[in-house]
C-alpha cells in the first residue's frame, strides 16, 4: 500500500504541475487564438479599401481574408515600402489570384497591393497593416 500511495502522490503532483502550465499558456498573450479579418468587410477587396485597417488592432498570426473577383483583381504581398508607395510588383513577390485568399500576418508592417494596372497606382487598392 505504501508504494501505491506514493505513486498517487507523484501522479497528483504531476497533474497539478500540468494544470499550472496549461493555465499559464492560456493567459499568456502569445497563446491567444489568432483572429480572422475580412479585408474590406462585406464589400471585400475592392476599390477604396485603403482606410479599412484604421481603428483595428492586429497581431502576428492573425489572418486577413481577401475576397474579390479573380478576373478583376489580385493580391500582391510587397516587402518594401518603396514598392508599396510606387505600386510596384517586385520580382519574386507572392501574388494571390484565387479570389478567396488567406494571408497570415507577421509582426510589424504587412503591405498589400492589387497588381492589376492602375488599381493601386491611384491609391485605391492597397493596404498597410501593422501587427503587434
N, C-alpha and C. Protein backbone atom coordinates (compact mmCIF):
# COMPACT_ATOMS: atom_id res chain seq x y z
N UNK A 1 0.81 -1.19 0.00
CA UNK A 1 0.00 0.00 0.00
C UNK A 1 0.85 1.26 0.00
N UNK A 2 2.00 1.19 0.66
CA UNK A 2 2.85 2.35 0.75
C UNK A 2 3.25 2.85 -0.63
N UNK A 3 3.62 1.92 -1.52
CA UNK A 3 4.04 2.32 -2.87
C UNK A 3 2.89 2.88 -3.68
N UNK A 4 1.71 2.33 -3.50
CA UNK A 4 0.56 2.84 -4.23
C UNK A 4 0.24 4.28 -3.81
N UNK A 5 0.31 4.58 -2.53
CA UNK A 5 0.07 5.94 -2.05
C UNK A 5 1.12 6.90 -2.55
N UNK A 6 2.38 6.44 -2.58
CA UNK A 6 3.46 7.28 -3.08
C UNK A 6 3.27 7.56 -4.58
N UNK A 7 2.81 6.54 -5.31
CA UNK A 7 2.54 6.72 -6.75
C UNK A 7 1.42 7.70 -6.98
N UNK A 8 0.39 7.63 -6.17
CA UNK A 8 -0.72 8.57 -6.29
C UNK A 8 -0.26 9.99 -6.01
N UNK A 9 0.62 10.16 -5.03
CA UNK A 9 1.12 11.49 -4.70
C UNK A 9 1.94 12.05 -5.85
N UNK A 10 2.76 11.21 -6.47
CA UNK A 10 3.57 11.66 -7.61
C UNK A 10 2.66 12.02 -8.78
N UNK A 11 1.64 11.17 -9.03
CA UNK A 11 0.70 11.45 -10.11
C UNK A 11 -0.04 12.76 -9.85
N UNK A 12 -0.49 12.97 -8.63
CA UNK A 12 -1.22 14.19 -8.28
C UNK A 12 -0.34 15.42 -8.46
N UNK A 13 0.92 15.32 -8.05
CA UNK A 13 1.85 16.45 -8.21
C UNK A 13 2.09 16.75 -9.69
N UNK A 14 2.25 15.70 -10.50
CA UNK A 14 2.48 15.89 -11.94
C UNK A 14 1.26 16.50 -12.60
N UNK A 15 0.07 16.03 -12.21
CA UNK A 15 -1.16 16.58 -12.78
C UNK A 15 -1.33 18.05 -12.40
N UNK A 16 -1.01 18.39 -11.17
CA UNK A 16 -1.12 19.78 -10.73
C UNK A 16 -0.14 20.66 -11.50
N UNK A 17 1.07 20.17 -11.72
CA UNK A 17 2.06 20.94 -12.48
C UNK A 17 1.58 21.15 -13.92
N UNK A 18 0.99 20.12 -14.51
CA UNK A 18 0.48 20.24 -15.87
C UNK A 18 -0.65 21.26 -15.94
N UNK A 19 -1.51 21.27 -14.95
CA UNK A 19 -2.60 22.25 -14.93
C UNK A 19 -2.07 23.67 -14.81
N UNK A 20 -1.04 23.86 -14.00
CA UNK A 20 -0.45 25.19 -13.86
C UNK A 20 0.15 25.63 -15.19
N UNK A 21 0.86 24.75 -15.88
CA UNK A 21 1.45 25.10 -17.17
C UNK A 21 0.37 25.43 -18.20
N UNK A 22 -0.72 24.69 -18.20
CA UNK A 22 -1.83 24.98 -19.12
C UNK A 22 -2.46 26.34 -18.81
N UNK A 23 -2.64 26.63 -17.55
CA UNK A 23 -3.23 27.91 -17.15
C UNK A 23 -2.34 29.06 -17.58
N UNK A 24 -1.02 28.90 -17.40
CA UNK A 24 -0.08 29.95 -17.82
C UNK A 24 -0.17 30.16 -19.32
N UNK A 25 -0.23 29.07 -20.09
CA UNK A 25 -0.32 29.17 -21.54
C UNK A 25 -1.62 29.85 -21.97
N UNK A 26 -2.72 29.56 -21.29
CA UNK A 26 -3.99 30.15 -21.66
C UNK A 26 -4.02 31.65 -21.42
N UNK A 27 -3.35 32.11 -20.39
CA UNK A 27 -3.40 33.54 -20.06
C UNK A 27 -2.23 34.31 -20.62
N UNK A 28 -1.31 33.64 -21.26
CA UNK A 28 -0.17 34.29 -21.90
C UNK A 28 -0.65 34.88 -23.22
N UNK A 29 -0.34 36.15 -23.50
CA UNK A 29 -0.76 36.81 -24.73
C UNK A 29 -0.32 36.09 -25.98
N UNK A 30 0.82 35.39 -25.92
CA UNK A 30 1.33 34.68 -27.08
C UNK A 30 0.46 33.48 -27.42
N UNK A 31 -0.26 32.95 -26.44
CA UNK A 31 -1.04 31.74 -26.66
C UNK A 31 -2.46 32.06 -27.10
N UNK A 32 -2.82 33.31 -27.20
CA UNK A 32 -4.18 33.68 -27.59
C UNK A 32 -4.45 33.22 -29.01
N UNK A 33 -5.70 32.83 -29.27
CA UNK A 33 -6.08 32.37 -30.59
C UNK A 33 -6.04 33.52 -31.58
N UNK A 34 -5.55 33.24 -32.78
CA UNK A 34 -5.45 34.27 -33.81
C UNK A 34 -6.85 34.65 -34.31
N UNK A 35 -6.98 35.90 -34.69
CA UNK A 35 -8.25 36.41 -35.23
C UNK A 35 -8.21 36.37 -36.75
N UNK A 36 -9.38 36.40 -37.35
CA UNK A 36 -9.51 36.43 -38.79
C UNK A 36 -10.29 37.69 -39.17
N UNK A 37 -9.79 38.41 -40.16
CA UNK A 37 -10.40 39.66 -40.61
C UNK A 37 -10.68 39.58 -42.10
N UNK A 38 -11.88 39.96 -42.51
CA UNK A 38 -12.20 40.04 -43.94
C UNK A 38 -11.86 41.44 -44.41
N UNK A 39 -10.89 41.53 -45.29
CA UNK A 39 -10.45 42.82 -45.81
C UNK A 39 -11.60 43.49 -46.55
N UNK A 40 -11.89 44.74 -46.17
CA UNK A 40 -12.99 45.47 -46.79
C UNK A 40 -14.35 45.09 -46.25
N UNK A 41 -14.36 44.27 -45.21
CA UNK A 41 -15.61 43.79 -44.60
C UNK A 41 -16.51 43.17 -45.67
N UNK A 42 -17.79 43.48 -45.67
CA UNK A 42 -18.74 42.84 -46.60
C UNK A 42 -18.45 43.17 -48.07
N UNK A 43 -17.83 44.33 -48.34
CA UNK A 43 -17.52 44.72 -49.72
C UNK A 43 -16.37 43.91 -50.29
N UNK A 44 -15.45 43.48 -49.43
CA UNK A 44 -14.31 42.71 -49.88
C UNK A 44 -13.16 43.59 -50.36
N UNK A 45 -12.23 42.95 -51.06
CA UNK A 45 -11.02 43.59 -51.60
C UNK A 45 -11.43 44.29 -52.89
N UNK A 46 -11.80 45.58 -52.75
CA UNK A 46 -12.31 46.37 -53.87
C UNK A 46 -11.68 47.76 -53.82
N UNK A 47 -12.03 48.59 -54.76
CA UNK A 47 -11.55 49.97 -54.77
C UNK A 47 -11.94 50.68 -53.47
N UNK A 48 -11.15 51.65 -53.07
CA UNK A 48 -11.37 52.46 -51.87
C UNK A 48 -11.32 51.66 -50.57
N UNK A 49 -10.47 50.67 -50.52
CA UNK A 49 -10.32 49.84 -49.32
C UNK A 49 -9.16 50.32 -48.44
N UNK A 50 -8.46 51.35 -48.88
CA UNK A 50 -7.23 51.81 -48.22
C UNK A 50 -7.38 52.09 -46.73
N UNK A 51 -8.50 52.67 -46.32
CA UNK A 51 -8.68 53.04 -44.92
C UNK A 51 -9.24 51.90 -44.06
N UNK A 52 -9.51 50.76 -44.65
CA UNK A 52 -10.11 49.66 -43.92
C UNK A 52 -9.34 49.27 -42.65
N UNK A 53 -8.01 49.25 -42.64
CA UNK A 53 -7.30 48.85 -41.40
C UNK A 53 -7.43 49.85 -40.25
N UNK A 54 -7.79 51.10 -40.53
CA UNK A 54 -7.84 52.13 -39.49
C UNK A 54 -8.77 51.73 -38.35
N UNK A 55 -8.28 51.88 -37.13
CA UNK A 55 -9.07 51.60 -35.95
C UNK A 55 -9.12 50.13 -35.55
N UNK A 56 -8.47 49.27 -36.30
CA UNK A 56 -8.44 47.85 -35.97
C UNK A 56 -7.10 47.49 -35.35
N UNK A 57 -7.11 46.50 -34.46
CA UNK A 57 -5.88 46.01 -33.83
C UNK A 57 -5.56 44.64 -34.39
N UNK A 58 -4.34 44.50 -34.89
CA UNK A 58 -3.90 43.26 -35.49
C UNK A 58 -2.71 42.71 -34.71
N UNK A 59 -2.61 41.39 -34.68
CA UNK A 59 -1.49 40.71 -34.03
C UNK A 59 -0.85 39.75 -35.02
N UNK A 60 0.43 39.50 -34.83
CA UNK A 60 1.10 38.49 -35.64
C UNK A 60 0.35 37.18 -35.51
N UNK A 61 0.13 36.52 -36.62
CA UNK A 61 -0.62 35.27 -36.63
C UNK A 61 -2.07 35.44 -37.01
N UNK A 62 -2.61 36.68 -36.90
CA UNK A 62 -3.97 36.92 -37.37
C UNK A 62 -4.02 36.67 -38.88
N UNK A 63 -5.19 36.36 -39.38
CA UNK A 63 -5.35 36.07 -40.80
C UNK A 63 -6.19 37.14 -41.47
N UNK A 64 -5.71 37.61 -42.62
CA UNK A 64 -6.51 38.50 -43.46
C UNK A 64 -7.11 37.65 -44.56
N UNK A 65 -8.40 37.83 -44.79
CA UNK A 65 -9.10 37.12 -45.85
C UNK A 65 -9.44 38.13 -46.94
N UNK A 66 -8.93 37.88 -48.13
CA UNK A 66 -9.15 38.76 -49.27
C UNK A 66 -10.20 38.11 -50.17
N UNK A 67 -11.40 38.69 -50.22
CA UNK A 67 -12.47 38.21 -51.09
C UNK A 67 -12.62 39.18 -52.26
N UNK A 68 -12.56 38.66 -53.49
CA UNK A 68 -12.63 39.51 -54.68
C UNK A 68 -12.91 38.64 -55.90
N UNK A 69 -13.26 39.27 -57.00
CA UNK A 69 -13.45 38.56 -58.26
C UNK A 69 -12.07 38.33 -58.88
N UNK A 70 -11.66 37.08 -59.06
CA UNK A 70 -10.29 36.81 -59.52
C UNK A 70 -9.97 37.30 -60.93
N UNK A 71 -10.96 37.55 -61.75
CA UNK A 71 -10.67 38.09 -63.09
C UNK A 71 -10.48 39.60 -63.05
N UNK A 72 -10.85 40.23 -61.91
CA UNK A 72 -10.75 41.68 -61.80
C UNK A 72 -9.56 42.15 -60.97
N UNK A 73 -9.18 41.36 -59.96
CA UNK A 73 -8.16 41.79 -59.01
C UNK A 73 -7.22 40.65 -58.66
N UNK A 74 -6.18 40.99 -57.89
CA UNK A 74 -5.31 40.01 -57.27
C UNK A 74 -4.78 40.63 -55.98
N UNK A 75 -3.99 39.90 -55.25
CA UNK A 75 -3.38 40.40 -54.03
C UNK A 75 -1.88 40.14 -54.12
N UNK A 76 -1.10 41.20 -53.99
CA UNK A 76 0.35 41.08 -54.04
C UNK A 76 0.91 41.48 -52.67
N UNK A 77 1.74 40.61 -52.12
CA UNK A 77 2.42 40.92 -50.86
C UNK A 77 3.74 41.59 -51.23
N UNK A 78 3.91 42.83 -50.76
CA UNK A 78 5.17 43.53 -51.02
C UNK A 78 5.92 43.72 -49.70
N UNK A 79 7.22 43.67 -49.78
CA UNK A 79 8.05 43.76 -48.57
C UNK A 79 8.61 45.15 -48.33
N UNK A 80 8.83 45.89 -49.38
CA UNK A 80 9.48 47.20 -49.27
C UNK A 80 8.46 48.33 -49.37
N UNK A 81 8.62 49.32 -48.50
CA UNK A 81 7.73 50.48 -48.52
C UNK A 81 7.78 51.20 -49.86
N UNK A 82 8.95 51.24 -50.49
CA UNK A 82 9.06 51.93 -51.78
C UNK A 82 8.21 51.23 -52.85
N UNK A 83 8.18 49.89 -52.83
CA UNK A 83 7.33 49.16 -53.78
C UNK A 83 5.86 49.43 -53.48
N UNK A 84 5.51 49.50 -52.19
CA UNK A 84 4.14 49.79 -51.79
C UNK A 84 3.75 51.19 -52.25
N UNK A 85 4.59 52.16 -51.95
CA UNK A 85 4.30 53.56 -52.31
C UNK A 85 4.21 53.78 -53.81
N UNK A 86 5.03 53.04 -54.57
CA UNK A 86 5.07 53.18 -56.03
C UNK A 86 4.19 52.15 -56.75
N UNK A 87 3.47 51.34 -55.98
CA UNK A 87 2.61 50.30 -56.55
C UNK A 87 3.36 49.39 -57.51
N UNK A 88 4.55 49.01 -57.10
CA UNK A 88 5.40 48.16 -57.93
C UNK A 88 5.30 46.71 -57.45
N UNK A 89 5.06 45.81 -58.40
CA UNK A 89 5.09 44.38 -58.10
C UNK A 89 6.52 43.91 -58.30
N UNK A 90 7.23 43.67 -57.20
CA UNK A 90 8.64 43.29 -57.34
C UNK A 90 8.80 41.86 -57.85
N UNK A 91 9.92 41.60 -58.48
CA UNK A 91 10.22 40.24 -58.94
C UNK A 91 10.21 39.30 -57.74
N UNK A 92 9.58 38.16 -57.90
CA UNK A 92 9.54 37.16 -56.85
C UNK A 92 8.49 37.41 -55.78
N UNK A 93 7.66 38.43 -55.96
CA UNK A 93 6.62 38.73 -54.97
C UNK A 93 5.59 37.61 -54.93
N UNK A 94 5.00 37.42 -53.77
CA UNK A 94 3.90 36.47 -53.64
C UNK A 94 2.64 37.12 -54.19
N UNK A 95 2.03 36.48 -55.17
CA UNK A 95 0.82 37.00 -55.81
C UNK A 95 -0.30 35.97 -55.64
N UNK A 96 -1.40 36.39 -55.04
CA UNK A 96 -2.56 35.53 -54.86
C UNK A 96 -3.60 35.86 -55.92
N UNK A 97 -4.27 34.83 -56.45
CA UNK A 97 -5.22 35.05 -57.53
C UNK A 97 -6.51 34.24 -57.39
N UNK A 98 -6.74 33.61 -56.25
CA UNK A 98 -7.88 32.70 -56.12
C UNK A 98 -9.22 33.42 -55.93
N UNK A 99 -9.18 34.66 -55.40
CA UNK A 99 -10.41 35.36 -55.08
C UNK A 99 -10.89 35.11 -53.67
N UNK A 100 -10.24 34.19 -52.97
CA UNK A 100 -10.57 33.87 -51.58
C UNK A 100 -9.26 33.52 -50.87
N UNK A 101 -8.38 34.49 -50.81
CA UNK A 101 -7.03 34.27 -50.29
C UNK A 101 -6.96 34.54 -48.79
N UNK A 102 -6.18 33.72 -48.10
CA UNK A 102 -5.95 33.90 -46.66
C UNK A 102 -4.46 34.09 -46.44
N UNK A 103 -4.13 35.18 -45.73
CA UNK A 103 -2.73 35.52 -45.51
C UNK A 103 -2.53 35.76 -44.01
N UNK A 104 -1.57 35.03 -43.43
CA UNK A 104 -1.25 35.23 -42.01
C UNK A 104 -0.33 36.43 -41.88
N UNK A 105 -0.62 37.29 -40.91
CA UNK A 105 0.19 38.48 -40.67
C UNK A 105 1.45 38.14 -39.91
N UNK A 106 2.52 38.85 -40.23
CA UNK A 106 3.76 38.76 -39.48
C UNK A 106 3.88 39.99 -38.59
N UNK A 107 4.69 39.91 -37.58
CA UNK A 107 4.88 41.05 -36.68
C UNK A 107 5.49 42.21 -37.47
N UNK A 108 4.93 43.38 -37.28
CA UNK A 108 5.41 44.58 -37.97
C UNK A 108 4.51 44.95 -39.13
N UNK A 109 5.12 45.51 -40.15
CA UNK A 109 4.37 46.04 -41.29
C UNK A 109 4.07 44.94 -42.30
N UNK A 110 2.82 44.88 -42.75
CA UNK A 110 2.38 43.96 -43.79
C UNK A 110 1.75 44.80 -44.88
N UNK A 111 2.31 44.72 -46.08
CA UNK A 111 1.90 45.59 -47.18
C UNK A 111 1.27 44.78 -48.30
N UNK A 112 0.11 45.21 -48.77
CA UNK A 112 -0.62 44.50 -49.82
C UNK A 112 -1.10 45.49 -50.87
N UNK A 113 -0.97 45.09 -52.14
CA UNK A 113 -1.48 45.90 -53.24
C UNK A 113 -2.22 45.00 -54.21
N UNK A 114 -3.05 45.61 -55.05
CA UNK A 114 -3.59 44.91 -56.21
C UNK A 114 -2.62 45.19 -57.35
N UNK A 115 -2.17 44.14 -58.00
CA UNK A 115 -1.18 44.28 -59.06
C UNK A 115 -1.76 44.56 -60.43
N UNK A 116 -3.07 44.65 -60.56
CA UNK A 116 -3.67 44.96 -61.85
C UNK A 116 -3.37 46.41 -62.21
N UNK A 117 -3.07 46.68 -63.48
CA UNK A 117 -2.70 48.04 -63.89
C UNK A 117 -3.70 49.10 -63.43
N UNK A 118 -3.19 50.12 -62.73
CA UNK A 118 -4.00 51.25 -62.31
C UNK A 118 -4.76 51.06 -61.01
N UNK A 119 -4.94 49.84 -60.55
CA UNK A 119 -5.76 49.62 -59.36
C UNK A 119 -5.11 50.15 -58.08
N UNK A 120 -3.82 50.04 -57.98
CA UNK A 120 -3.10 50.54 -56.81
C UNK A 120 -2.60 51.97 -57.04
N UNK A 121 -2.19 52.23 -58.25
CA UNK A 121 -1.49 53.47 -58.58
C UNK A 121 -2.18 54.72 -58.07
N UNK A 122 -3.46 54.77 -58.12
CA UNK A 122 -4.17 55.96 -57.67
C UNK A 122 -4.59 55.84 -56.20
N UNK A 123 -4.00 54.87 -55.49
CA UNK A 123 -4.25 54.71 -54.07
C UNK A 123 -5.54 54.01 -53.74
N UNK A 124 -6.13 53.34 -54.71
CA UNK A 124 -7.43 52.72 -54.49
C UNK A 124 -7.36 51.34 -53.85
N UNK A 125 -6.36 50.55 -54.21
CA UNK A 125 -6.32 49.17 -53.72
C UNK A 125 -4.95 48.83 -53.16
N UNK A 126 -4.71 49.38 -51.97
CA UNK A 126 -3.50 49.00 -51.24
C UNK A 126 -3.77 49.24 -49.77
N UNK A 127 -3.27 48.32 -48.95
CA UNK A 127 -3.43 48.48 -47.50
C UNK A 127 -2.12 48.20 -46.80
N UNK A 128 -1.93 48.91 -45.71
CA UNK A 128 -0.77 48.76 -44.84
C UNK A 128 -1.30 48.34 -43.48
N UNK A 129 -0.98 47.12 -43.07
CA UNK A 129 -1.47 46.57 -41.82
C UNK A 129 -0.28 46.31 -40.91
N UNK A 130 -0.31 46.92 -39.72
CA UNK A 130 0.76 46.72 -38.75
C UNK A 130 0.26 45.77 -37.66
N UNK A 131 1.02 44.68 -37.47
CA UNK A 131 0.65 43.67 -36.48
C UNK A 131 1.61 43.72 -35.31
N UNK A 132 1.04 43.70 -34.11
CA UNK A 132 1.85 43.71 -32.88
C UNK A 132 2.41 42.33 -32.61
